[in-house]
Amino acid sequence: MEETCETRESCIQKAKKRIKAYIPEIIGALVGATGGFIYYYKVGCSTGSCPIKSNPWLITLWGAAMGYLLVSIFTTKKKQNI
């Protein structure tokens, strides 16, 4: 069972540690989302028959997922007691 925080500051410190551990993946997702939107804007699908490429939300989400997965392949996580 996860232990509770004694003070508000200790909870904030724990949250900062958890976020800091995933910074490369977050950056990868943001870069992937940006790349996905740029792909939609520059290439896209003119006929509208492409289910992923014709919708800017779907291609942006797809790019974010691919960016996250690509970065997570190359990062290693240490086991930490957070």
Protein backbone atom coordinates (compact mmCIF):
# COMPACT_ATOMS: atom_id res chain seq x y z
CA MET A 1 0.00 0.00 0.00
CA GLU A 2 1.26 3.46 -0.85
CA GLU A 3 2.20 5.64 2.06
CA THR A 4 0.50 8.96 2.57
CA CYS A 5 2.17 12.34 2.70
CA GLU A 6 2.79 13.97 6.05
CA THR A 7 2.69 17.50 4.70
CA ARG A 8 1.58 19.24 1.54
CA GLU A 9 5.22 19.99 0.66
CA SER A 10 6.21 16.33 0.83
CA CYS A 11 3.35 15.46 -1.54
CA ILE A 12 4.51 18.15 -3.96
CA GLN A 13 8.09 16.83 -3.81
CA LYS A 14 6.91 13.28 -4.57
CA ALA A 15 4.84 14.53 -7.51
CA LYS A 16 7.82 16.49 -8.87
CA LYS A 17 10.01 13.36 -8.69
CA ARG A 18 7.43 11.32 -10.59
CA ILE A 19 7.03 13.98 -13.29
CA LYS A 20 10.80 14.42 -13.59
CA ALA A 21 11.17 10.67 -14.20
CA TYR A 22 8.96 10.91 -17.31
CA ILE A 23 10.29 14.13 -18.88
CA PRO A 24 11.89 12.38 -21.91
CA GLU A 25 8.64 10.57 -22.71
CA ILE A 26 6.60 13.76 -22.32
CA ILE A 27 8.94 15.62 -24.67
CA GLY A 28 8.77 12.73 -27.15
CA ALA A 29 4.97 12.82 -27.08
CA LEU A 30 4.91 16.59 -27.64
CA VAL A 31 7.36 16.36 -30.54
CA GLY A 32 5.37 13.47 -32.03
CA ALA A 33 2.09 15.39 -31.71
CA THR A 34 3.66 18.40 -33.40
CA GLY A 35 5.01 16.19 -36.17
CA GLY A 36 1.63 14.54 -36.61
CA PHE A 37 -0.12 17.87 -36.99
CA ILE A 38 2.51 19.14 -39.41
CA TYR A 39 2.03 15.95 -41.44
CA TYR A 40 -1.72 16.57 -41.51
CA TYR A 41 -1.22 20.18 -42.55
CA LYS A 42 1.40 19.53 -45.26
CA VAL A 43 0.38 16.09 -46.62
CA GLY A 44 -2.99 15.15 -45.15
CA CYS A 45 -5.63 13.37 -47.18
CA SER A 46 -7.39 15.40 -49.84
CA THR A 47 -10.17 12.87 -50.53
CA GLY A 48 -11.22 12.39 -46.91
CA SER A 49 -11.21 8.62 -47.29
CA CYS A 50 -8.17 8.12 -45.06
CA PRO A 51 -9.53 7.57 -41.53
CA ILE A 52 -6.43 8.72 -39.63
CA LYS A 53 -4.82 11.23 -41.99
CA SER A 54 -8.03 13.15 -42.76
CA ASN A 55 -8.70 14.13 -39.12
CA PRO A 56 -6.22 16.53 -37.44
CA TRP A 57 -7.09 15.24 -33.94
CA LEU A 58 -6.46 11.61 -34.80
CA ILE A 59 -3.17 12.19 -36.62
CA THR A 60 -1.96 14.43 -33.77
CA LEU A 61 -2.87 11.75 -31.22
CA TRP A 62 -1.22 9.09 -33.39
CA GLY A 63 1.96 11.19 -33.63
CA ALA A 64 2.00 11.71 -29.86
CA ALA A 65 1.67 7.98 -29.25
CA MET A 66 4.45 7.19 -31.72
CA GLY A 67 6.73 9.85 -30.19
CA TYR A 68 6.12 8.51 -26.70
CA LEU A 69 6.75 4.91 -27.73
CA LEU A 70 9.88 5.76 -29.71
CA VAL A 71 11.45 7.61 -26.80
CA SER A 72 10.38 5.01 -24.24
CA ILE A 73 12.25 2.33 -26.20
CA PHE A 74 15.56 4.12 -25.69
CA THR A 75 15.15 5.28 -22.09
CA THR A 76 15.88 3.08 -19.13
CA LYS A 77 14.21 3.49 -15.80
CA LYS A 78 15.86 2.79 -12.49
CA LYS A 79 13.72 1.19 -9.84
CA GLN A 80 13.04 3.88 -7.30
CA ASN A 81 11.01 4.07 -4.18
CA ILE A 82 8.99 7.17 -4.90
